Amino acid sequence: MLESRNPALRRAARSGGQSAGSMDQSRVDAEFGAITGQSSDRMTIEGTVHKTLGLLLLTAATTVGVWIWAGGEPVGFPFAGFAFFPLIAVGILTGMKPHVARITGPIYAVIAGGFIGVLTLSLQMMVDGGLTMLPRQAALATLAVSGSMLFAYRTGLIRATPRLRKVVITATIGIAVFYFINIVMSWFGSPMNLIWGAGMLPILLSVAFIAVASLMLVLDFDLIEKMSGNAEKSMEWYGAFALTTTLIWLYIEMLRLLALLQRE
């Protein structure tokens, strides 16, 4: 059965996966430890959330640092494109060695923050507004979509079925290839019309990519919940890394869509 796009969650699910009975017992033990005040060596949802927030704050701090360093001046899309490849490399490394997530997670957050900072500066050429206008709007939109997907998952409106996994993972791979080809071609002078061009096609593609990223959150929520109380404590960093990658992806797509809609 296919699993999440995030290599972190795929390996974590395999390394931490046990039978349903063992998983239930682990959760009972974890809850008993919380009641009695004893420390637990099992992964928890709360611990994963805290680490995810830490990584997102590091990303935001790096973005602001780039703005200060650049003095608010655009530095160009090609420069931002270089960050795509180290992001992929860190993701693959973490997928291969999940226990290094406590190290690669912050590294990923810093690289992503630099990418977002450069991208935001470049987008000033497309829209009429202050430097923080688009980031604020994109952050609010990301928060709203993430909250909605969490609600849909918790209430059972959207379930992480095998078919959903197959569709979302296949679409995600296609999107990654799409960005890879367009970024490389841009270095040889080819315009990125399908990403930043005028007309409805880039907007429709952006909406489709946001839909895929939103559904990926459902798969991530599902796998983190299954690992909670079952996987070892260090997997909190692993789950946080995986969830952070999806949230950052969703945020970047929101940033792109808003820029396309508000271009001068």
C-alpha atoms as a PDB file:
ATOM      1  CA  MET A   1       0.000   0.000   0.000  1.00  0.00           C
ATOM      2  CA  LEU A   2       1.371   3.407  -0.916  1.00  0.00           C
ATOM      3  CA  GLU A   3       2.099   5.878   1.841  1.00  0.00           C
ATOM      4  CA  SER A   4       2.716   9.585   2.170  1.00  0.00           C
ATOM      5  CA  ARG A   5       4.848  11.599  -0.222  1.00  0.00           C
ATOM      6  CA  ASN A   6       7.082  12.493   2.688  1.00  0.00           C
ATOM      7  CA  PRO A   7       9.964   9.995   2.854  1.00  0.00           C
ATOM      8  CA  ALA A   8      10.164  10.714   6.563  1.00  0.00           C
ATOM      9  CA  LEU A   9       6.662   9.416   7.225  1.00  0.00           C
ATOM     10  CA  ARG A  10       7.052   6.426   4.927  1.00  0.00           C
ATOM     11  CA  ARG A  11      10.106   5.116   6.745  1.00  0.00           C
ATOM     12  CA  ALA A  12       8.725   6.048  10.152  1.00  0.00           C
ATOM     13  CA  ALA A  13       5.572   4.075   9.492  1.00  0.00           C
ATOM     14  CA  ARG A  14       7.643   1.032   8.572  1.00  0.00           C
ATOM     15  CA  SER A  15      10.095   1.311  11.461  1.00  0.00           C
ATOM     16  CA  GLY A  16       7.447   2.120  14.017  1.00  0.00           C
ATOM     17  CA  GLY A  17       4.628  -0.012  12.681  1.00  0.00           C
ATOM     18  CA  GLN A  18       3.340  -2.868  14.781  1.00  0.00           C
ATOM     19  CA  SER A  19       0.154  -4.822  15.005  1.00  0.00           C
ATOM     20  CA  ALA A  20      -3.054  -3.052  15.969  1.00  0.00           C
ATOM     21  CA  GLY A  21      -3.014  -4.775  19.337  1.00  0.00           C
ATOM     22  CA  SER A  22       0.549  -3.695  20.072  1.00  0.00           C
ATOM     23  CA  MET A  23      -0.256  -0.161  18.987  1.00  0.00           C
ATOM     24  CA  ASP A  24      -3.280  -0.013  21.276  1.00  0.00           C
ATOM     25  CA  GLN A  25      -1.259  -1.358  24.175  1.00  0.00           C
ATOM     26  CA  SER A  26       1.469   1.208  23.565  1.00  0.00           C
ATOM     27  CA  ARG A  27      -1.098   3.973  23.667  1.00  0.00           C
ATOM     28  CA  VAL A  28      -2.537   2.616  26.896  1.00  0.00           C
ATOM     29  CA  ASP A  29       0.965   2.534  28.392  1.00  0.00           C
ATOM     30  CA  ALA A  30       1.597   6.101  27.224  1.00  0.00           C
ATOM     31  CA  GLU A  31      -1.658   7.344  28.728  1.00  0.00           C
ATOM     32  CA  PHE A  32      -0.950   5.513  31.977  1.00  0.00           C
ATOM     33  CA  GLY A  33       2.484   7.126  32.093  1.00  0.00           C
ATOM     34  CA  ALA A  34       0.948  10.561  31.600  1.00  0.00           C
ATOM     35  CA  ILE A  35      -1.588   9.968  34.393  1.00  0.00           C
ATOM     36  CA  THR A  36       0.985   8.678  36.850  1.00  0.00           C
ATOM     37  CA  GLY A  37       3.534  11.342  35.932  1.00  0.00           C
ATOM     38  CA  GLN A  38       5.994   8.850  34.512  1.00  0.00           C
ATOM     39  CA  SER A  39       7.932   9.842  31.389  1.00  0.00           C
ATOM     40  CA  SER A  40       7.169   8.047  28.159  1.00  0.00           C
ATOM     41  CA  ASP A  41       9.681   6.972  25.547  1.00  0.00           C
ATOM     42  CA  ARG A  42       6.989   6.812  22.886  1.00  0.00           C
ATOM     43  CA  MET A  43       6.139   9.378  20.240  1.00  0.00           C
ATOM     44  CA  THR A  44       3.222  11.693  21.050  1.00  0.00           C
ATOM     45  CA  ILE A  45       1.091  13.991  18.921  1.00  0.00           C
ATOM     46  CA  GLU A  46       1.733  16.866  21.338  1.00  0.00           C
ATOM     47  CA  GLY A  47       5.503  16.452  21.061  1.00  0.00           C
ATOM     48  CA  THR A  48       5.303  16.329  17.280  1.00  0.00           C
ATOM     49  CA  VAL A  49       3.185  19.487  17.173  1.00  0.00           C
ATOM     50  CA  HIS A  50       5.646  21.359  19.396  1.00  0.00           C
ATOM     51  CA  LYS A  51       8.585  20.390  17.207  1.00  0.00           C
ATOM     52  CA  THR A  52       6.654  21.310  14.065  1.00  0.00           C
ATOM     53  CA  LEU A  53       5.946  24.762  15.475  1.00  0.00           C
ATOM     54  CA  GLY A  54       9.634  25.154  16.285  1.00  0.00           C
ATOM     55  CA  LEU A  55      10.644  24.323  12.720  1.00  0.00           C
ATOM     56  CA  LEU A  56       8.060  26.706  11.279  1.00  0.00           C
ATOM     57  CA  LEU A  57       9.256  29.520  13.554  1.00  0.00           C
ATOM     58  CA  LEU A  58      12.826  28.882  12.382  1.00  0.00           C
ATOM     59  CA  THR A  59      11.631  29.091   8.781  1.00  0.00           C
ATOM     60  CA  ALA A  60       9.887  32.403   9.454  1.00  0.00           C
ATOM     61  CA  ALA A  61      12.939  33.827  11.234  1.00  0.00           C
ATOM     62  CA  THR A  62      15.187  32.902   8.309  1.00  0.00           C
ATOM     63  CA  THR A  63      12.757  34.532   5.862  1.00  0.00           C
ATOM     64  CA  VAL A  64      12.863  37.793   7.798  1.00  0.00           C
ATOM     65  CA  GLY A  65      16.653  37.528   7.973  1.00  0.00           C
ATOM     66  CA  VAL A  66      16.844  37.309   4.181  1.00  0.00           C
ATOM     67  CA  TRP A  67      14.642  40.396   3.855  1.00  0.00           C
ATOM     68  CA  ILE A  68      16.961  42.339   6.152  1.00  0.00           C
ATOM     69  CA  TRP A  69      20.080  41.057   4.360  1.00  0.00           C
ATOM     70  CA  ALA A  70      18.714  42.004   0.913  1.00  0.00           C
ATOM     71  CA  GLY A  71      17.474  45.385   2.089  1.00  0.00           C
ATOM     72  CA  GLY A  72      14.048  44.712   0.611  1.00  0.00           C
ATOM     73  CA  GLU A  73      15.422  44.565  -2.948  1.00  0.00           C
ATOM     74  CA  PRO A  74      14.431  41.750  -5.366  1.00  0.00           C
ATOM     75  CA  VAL A  75      17.203  39.273  -6.145  1.00  0.00           C
ATOM     76  CA  GLY A  76      15.504  37.302  -8.953  1.00  0.00           C
ATOM     77  CA  PHE A  77      13.732  33.977  -9.452  1.00  0.00           C
ATOM     78  CA  PRO A  78      16.764  32.000 -10.740  1.00  0.00           C
ATOM     79  CA  PHE A  79      18.566  32.551  -7.426  1.00  0.00           C
ATOM     80  CA  ALA A  80      15.549  31.232  -5.549  1.00  0.00           C
ATOM     81  CA  GLY A  81      15.453  28.181  -7.810  1.00  0.00           C
ATOM     82  CA  PHE A  82      18.838  26.989  -6.544  1.00  0.00           C
ATOM     83  CA  ALA A  83      17.284  26.262  -3.145  1.00  0.00           C
ATOM     84  CA  PHE A  84      14.978  23.654  -4.712  1.00  0.00           C
ATOM     85  CA  PHE A  85      17.752  21.089  -5.020  1.00  0.00           C
ATOM     86  CA  PRO A  86      19.190  21.207  -1.465  1.00  0.00           C
ATOM     87  CA  LEU A  87      15.623  20.969  -0.180  1.00  0.00           C
ATOM     88  CA  ILE A  88      15.151  17.763  -2.171  1.00  0.00           C
ATOM     89  CA  ALA A  89      18.555  16.456  -1.037  1.00  0.00           C
ATOM     90  CA  VAL A  90      17.781  17.048   2.647  1.00  0.00           C
ATOM     91  CA  GLY A  91      14.408  15.360   2.225  1.00  0.00           C
ATOM     92  CA  ILE A  92      15.981  12.267   0.650  1.00  0.00           C
ATOM     93  CA  LEU A  93      18.677  12.090   3.327  1.00  0.00           C
ATOM     94  CA  THR A  94      16.086  12.279   6.081  1.00  0.00           C
ATOM     95  CA  GLY A  95      14.026   9.592   4.400  1.00  0.00           C
ATOM     96  CA  MET A  96      17.047   7.286   4.304  1.00  0.00           C
ATOM     97  CA  LYS A  97      18.182   8.059   7.855  1.00  0.00           C
ATOM     98  CA  PRO A  98      15.121   9.044   9.917  1.00  0.00           C
ATOM     99  CA  HIS A  99      17.028   9.370  13.181  1.00  0.00           C
ATOM    100  CA  VAL A 100      18.947  12.386  11.846  1.00  0.00           C
ATOM    101  CA  ALA A 101      15.704  14.382  11.544  1.00  0.00           C
ATOM    102  CA  ARG A 102      16.571  16.381  14.666  1.00  0.00           C
ATOM    103  CA  ILE A 103      19.516  17.729  12.631  1.00  0.00           C
ATOM    104  CA  THR A 104      18.118  17.809   9.100  1.00  0.00           C
ATOM    105  CA  GLY A 105      14.809  19.306  10.245  1.00  0.00           C
ATOM    106  CA  PRO A 106      16.335  22.658  11.269  1.00  0.00           C
ATOM    107  CA  ILE A 107      18.580  22.599   8.185  1.00  0.00           C
ATOM    108  CA  TYR A 108      15.535  22.149   5.971  1.00  0.00           C
ATOM    109  CA  ALA A 109      13.712  24.946   7.804  1.00  0.00           C
ATOM    110  CA  VAL A 110      16.610  27.364   7.248  1.00  0.00           C
ATOM    111  CA  ILE A 111      16.933  26.533   3.539  1.00  0.00           C
ATOM    112  CA  ALA A 112      13.171  26.810   3.041  1.00  0.00           C
ATOM    113  CA  GLY A 113      13.142  30.134   4.887  1.00  0.00           C
ATOM    114  CA  GLY A 114      15.857  31.446   2.584  1.00  0.00           C
ATOM    115  CA  PHE A 115      13.930  30.262  -0.457  1.00  0.00           C
ATOM    116  CA  ILE A 116      10.714  31.912   0.735  1.00  0.00           C
ATOM    117  CA  GLY A 117      12.565  35.126   1.566  1.00  0.00           C
ATOM    118  CA  VAL A 118      14.106  35.399  -1.894  1.00  0.00           C
ATOM    119  CA  LEU A 119      10.848  34.405  -3.576  1.00  0.00           C
ATOM    120  CA  THR A 120       8.873  37.030  -1.665  1.00  0.00           C
ATOM    121  CA  LEU A 121      11.348  39.750  -2.591  1.00  0.00           C
ATOM    122  CA  SER A 122      11.063  38.760  -6.241  1.00  0.00           C
ATOM    123  CA  LEU A 123       7.276  38.791  -6.120  1.00  0.00           C
ATOM    124  CA  GLN A 124       7.345  42.499  -5.282  1.00  0.00           C
ATOM    125  CA  MET A 125       7.905  43.048  -9.007  1.00  0.00           C
ATOM    126  CA  MET A 126       4.559  41.395  -9.759  1.00  0.00           C
ATOM    127  CA  VAL A 127       2.226  42.903  -7.179  1.00  0.00           C
ATOM    128  CA  ASP A 128       1.476  46.326  -5.795  1.00  0.00           C
ATOM    129  CA  GLY A 129       1.865  46.267  -2.031  1.00  0.00           C
ATOM    130  CA  GLY A 130       4.230  46.166   0.900  1.00  0.00           C
ATOM    131  CA  LEU A 131       6.801  43.456   1.488  1.00  0.00           C
ATOM    132  CA  THR A 132       4.779  41.704   4.185  1.00  0.00           C
ATOM    133  CA  MET A 133       1.401  41.890   2.456  1.00  0.00           C
ATOM    134  CA  LEU A 134       1.661  38.631   0.478  1.00  0.00           C
ATOM    135  CA  PRO A 135       3.337  36.654   3.297  1.00  0.00           C
ATOM    136  CA  ARG A 136       0.567  37.632   5.720  1.00  0.00           C
ATOM    137  CA  GLN A 137      -2.147  36.694   3.251  1.00  0.00           C
ATOM    138  CA  ALA A 138      -0.431  33.410   2.358  1.00  0.00           C
ATOM    139  CA  ALA A 139       0.077  32.539   6.030  1.00  0.00           C
ATOM    140  CA  LEU A 140      -3.598  33.172   6.844  1.00  0.00           C
ATOM    141  CA  ALA A 141      -4.707  31.140   3.831  1.00  0.00           C
ATOM    142  CA  THR A 142      -2.375  28.283   4.787  1.00  0.00           C
ATOM    143  CA  LEU A 143      -3.659  28.332   8.347  1.00  0.00           C
ATOM    144  CA  ALA A 144      -7.268  28.295   7.166  1.00  0.00           C
ATOM    145  CA  VAL A 145      -6.736  25.394   4.757  1.00  0.00           C
ATOM    146  CA  SER A 146      -4.681  23.400   7.272  1.00  0.00           C
ATOM    147  CA  GLY A 147      -7.333  23.859   9.944  1.00  0.00           C
ATOM    148  CA  SER A 148     -10.065  22.843   7.524  1.00  0.00           C
ATOM    149  CA  MET A 149      -8.193  19.695   6.477  1.00  0.00           C
ATOM    150  CA  LEU A 150      -7.535  18.776  10.107  1.00  0.00           C
ATOM    151  CA  PHE A 151     -11.240  19.197  10.858  1.00  0.00           C
ATOM    152  CA  ALA A 152     -12.172  17.110   7.811  1.00  0.00           C
ATOM    153  CA  TYR A 153      -9.761  14.377   8.904  1.00  0.00           C
ATOM    154  CA  ARG A 154     -10.820  14.323  12.552  1.00  0.00           C
ATOM    155  CA  THR A 155     -14.523  14.214  11.680  1.00  0.00           C
ATOM    156  CA  GLY A 156     -14.064  11.548   9.016  1.00  0.00           C
ATOM    157  CA  LEU A 157     -15.176  13.741   6.114  1.00  0.00           C
ATOM    158  CA  ILE A 158     -11.928  12.842   4.345  1.00  0.00           C
ATOM    159  CA  ARG A 159     -10.244   9.516   5.034  1.00  0.00           C
ATOM    160  CA  ALA A 160      -6.737   8.431   4.134  1.00  0.00           C
ATOM    161  CA  THR A 161      -7.853   5.527   1.969  1.00  0.00           C
ATOM    162  CA  PRO A 162      -5.447   3.523  -0.232  1.00  0.00           C
ATOM    163  CA  ARG A 163      -7.006   5.080  -3.333  1.00  0.00           C
ATOM    164  CA  LEU A 164      -6.502   8.598  -1.980  1.00  0.00           C
ATOM    165  CA  ARG A 165      -2.888   7.777  -1.153  1.00  0.00           C
ATOM    166  CA  LYS A 166      -2.266   6.507  -4.673  1.00  0.00           C
ATOM    167  CA  VAL A 167      -3.802   9.552  -6.343  1.00  0.00           C
ATOM    168  CA  VAL A 168      -2.100  12.124  -4.098  1.00  0.00           C
ATOM    169  CA  ILE A 169       1.340  10.523  -4.230  1.00  0.00           C
ATOM    170  CA  THR A 170       1.207  10.155  -8.006  1.00  0.00           C
ATOM    171  CA  ALA A 171       0.138  13.782  -8.392  1.00  0.00           C
ATOM    172  CA  THR A 172       2.877  14.949  -6.021  1.00  0.00           C
ATOM    173  CA  ILE A 173       5.576  13.178  -7.991  1.00  0.00           C
ATOM    174  CA  GLY A 174       4.249  14.777 -11.161  1.00  0.00           C
ATOM    175  CA  ILE A 175       4.319  18.224  -9.556  1.00  0.00           C
ATOM    176  CA  ALA A 176       7.914  17.748  -8.381  1.00  0.00           C
ATOM    177  CA  VAL A 177       8.972  16.755 -11.905  1.00  0.00           C
ATOM    178  CA  PHE A 178       7.074  19.740 -13.308  1.00  0.00           C
ATOM    179  CA  TYR A 179       8.949  22.185 -11.059  1.00  0.00           C
ATOM    180  CA  PHE A 180      12.283  20.471 -11.690  1.00  0.00           C
ATOM    181  CA  ILE A 181      11.962  20.785 -15.472  1.00  0.00           C
ATOM    182  CA  ASN A 182      10.794  24.399 -15.351  1.00  0.00           C
ATOM    183  CA  ILE A 183      13.552  25.499 -12.960  1.00  0.00           C
ATOM    184  CA  VAL A 184      16.306  23.863 -15.007  1.00  0.00           C
ATOM    185  CA  MET A 185      14.935  25.278 -18.255  1.00  0.00           C
ATOM    186  CA  SER A 186      14.809  28.766 -16.732  1.00  0.00           C
ATOM    187  CA  TRP A 187      18.579  28.654 -16.239  1.00  0.00           C
ATOM    188  CA  PHE A 188      18.931  28.356 -20.010  1.00  0.00           C
ATOM    189  CA  GLY A 189      16.713  31.342 -20.728  1.00  0.00           C
ATOM    190  CA  SER A 190      13.351  29.620 -21.043  1.00  0.00           C
ATOM    191  CA  PRO A 191      10.504  31.686 -19.511  1.00  0.00           C
ATOM    192  CA  MET A 192       8.560  29.999 -16.707  1.00  0.00           C
ATOM    193  CA  ASN A 193       5.216  30.786 -18.312  1.00  0.00           C
ATOM    194  CA  LEU A 194       3.383  27.838 -16.768  1.00  0.00           C
ATOM    195  CA  ILE A 195       4.424  29.010 -13.296  1.00  0.00           C
ATOM    196  CA  TRP A 196       4.503  32.797 -13.500  1.00  0.00           C
ATOM    197  CA  GLY A 197       2.981  33.579 -16.901  1.00  0.00           C
ATOM    198  CA  ALA A 198      -0.166  35.577 -17.618  1.00  0.00           C
ATOM    199  CA  GLY A 199      -3.542  34.032 -18.278  1.00  0.00           C
ATOM    200  CA  MET A 200      -5.671  31.443 -16.516  1.00  0.00           C
ATOM    201  CA  LEU A 201      -3.488  28.355 -16.977  1.00  0.00           C
ATOM    202  CA  PRO A 202      -0.876  29.220 -14.279  1.00  0.00           C
ATOM    203  CA  ILE A 203      -3.719  30.128 -11.896  1.00  0.00           C
ATOM    204  CA  LEU A 204      -5.544  26.859 -12.533  1.00  0.00           C
ATOM    205  CA  LEU A 205      -2.324  24.896 -12.073  1.00  0.00           C
ATOM    206  CA  SER A 206      -1.689  26.691  -8.785  1.00  0.00           C
ATOM    207  CA  VAL A 207      -5.188  25.861  -7.535  1.00  0.00           C
ATOM    208  CA  ALA A 208      -4.658  22.212  -8.494  1.00  0.00           C
ATOM    209  CA  PHE A 209      -1.307  22.097  -6.687  1.00  0.00           C
ATOM    210  CA  ILE A 210      -2.887  23.613  -3.567  1.00  0.00           C
ATOM    211  CA  ALA A 211      -5.562  20.912  -3.660  1.00  0.00           C
ATOM    212  CA  VAL A 212      -2.905  18.177  -3.809  1.00  0.00           C
ATOM    213  CA  ALA A 213      -0.885  19.737  -0.970  1.00  0.00           C
ATOM    214  CA  SER A 214      -4.046  20.016   1.128  1.00  0.00           C
ATOM    215  CA  LEU A 215      -4.872  16.344   0.626  1.00  0.00           C
ATOM    216  CA  MET A 216      -1.280  15.461   1.492  1.00  0.00           C
ATOM    217  CA  LEU A 217      -1.931  16.969   4.916  1.00  0.00           C
ATOM    218  CA  VAL A 218      -4.644  14.358   5.458  1.00  0.00           C
ATOM    219  CA  LEU A 219      -2.170  11.571   4.729  1.00  0.00           C
ATOM    220  CA  ASP A 220       0.354  13.161   7.076  1.00  0.00           C
ATOM    221  CA  PHE A 221      -2.189  13.553   9.871  1.00  0.00           C
ATOM    222  CA  ASP A 222      -3.165   9.915   9.471  1.00  0.00           C
ATOM    223  CA  LEU A 223       0.367   8.538   9.619  1.00  0.00           C
ATOM    224  CA  ILE A 224       1.392  10.733  12.555  1.00  0.00           C
ATOM    225  CA  GLU A 225      -1.672   9.605  14.498  1.00  0.00           C
ATOM    226  CA  LYS A 226      -0.842   5.966  13.777  1.00  0.00           C
ATOM    227  CA  MET A 227       2.770   6.401  14.898  1.00  0.00           C
ATOM    228  CA  SER A 228       1.787   8.239  18.078  1.00  0.00           C
ATOM    229  CA  GLY A 229       2.157   5.974  21.102  1.00  0.00           C
ATOM    230  CA  ASN A 230       3.848   3.364  18.957  1.00  0.00           C
ATOM    231  CA  ALA A 231       7.050   4.767  17.442  1.00  0.00           C
ATOM    232  CA  GLU A 232       9.981   5.758  19.616  1.00  0.00           C
ATOM    233  CA  LYS A 233      10.285   9.296  20.987  1.00  0.00           C
ATOM    234  CA  SER A 234      12.835  10.422  18.407  1.00  0.00           C
ATOM    235  CA  MET A 235      10.245   9.924  15.689  1.00  0.00           C
ATOM    236  CA  GLU A 236       8.590  13.147  16.870  1.00  0.00           C
ATOM    237  CA  TRP A 237      11.325  14.984  14.992  1.00  0.00           C
ATOM    238  CA  TYR A 238      10.698  12.753  12.028  1.00  0.00           C
ATOM    239  CA  GLY A 239       6.963  13.427  12.015  1.00  0.00           C
ATOM    240  CA  ALA A 240       7.580  17.147  12.541  1.00  0.00           C
ATOM    241  CA  PHE A 241       9.963  17.210   9.594  1.00  0.00           C
ATOM    242  CA  ALA A 242       7.423  15.494   7.335  1.00  0.00           C
ATOM    243  CA  LEU A 243       4.523  17.731   8.358  1.00  0.00           C
ATOM    244  CA  THR A 244       6.683  20.838   8.035  1.00  0.00           C
ATOM    245  CA  THR A 245       7.610  19.992   4.438  1.00  0.00           C
ATOM    246  CA  THR A 246       3.948  19.747   3.475  1.00  0.00           C
ATOM    247  CA  LEU A 247       2.983  22.967   5.270  1.00  0.00           C
ATOM    248  CA  ILE A 248       5.844  24.859   3.623  1.00  0.00           C
ATOM    249  CA  TRP A 249       4.835  23.477   0.235  1.00  0.00           C
ATOM    250  CA  LEU A 250       1.238  24.583   0.821  1.00  0.00           C
ATOM    251  CA  TYR A 251       2.398  28.044   1.908  1.00  0.00           C
ATOM    252  CA  ILE A 252       4.558  28.503  -1.192  1.00  0.00           C
ATOM    253  CA  GLU A 253       1.677  27.489  -3.432  1.00  0.00           C
ATOM    254  CA  MET A 254      -0.580  29.979  -1.633  1.00  0.00           C
ATOM    255  CA  LEU A 255       2.072  32.656  -2.108  1.00  0.00           C
ATOM    256  CA  ARG A 256       2.252  31.913  -5.834  1.00  0.00           C
ATOM    257  CA  LEU A 257      -1.514  31.920  -6.310  1.00  0.00           C
ATOM    258  CA  LEU A 258      -1.943  35.235  -4.515  1.00  0.00           C
ATOM    259  CA  ALA A 259       0.854  36.795  -6.560  1.00  0.00           C
ATOM    260  CA  LEU A 260      -0.764  35.637  -9.799  1.00  0.00           C
ATOM    261  CA  LEU A 261      -4.133  37.026  -8.758  1.00  0.00           C
ATOM    262  CA  GLN A 262      -2.719  40.367  -7.612  1.00  0.00           C
ATOM    263  CA  ARG A 263      -0.188  41.028 -10.339  1.00  0.00           C
ATOM    264  CA  GLU A 264      -0.187  44.578 -11.657  1.00  0.00           C
END
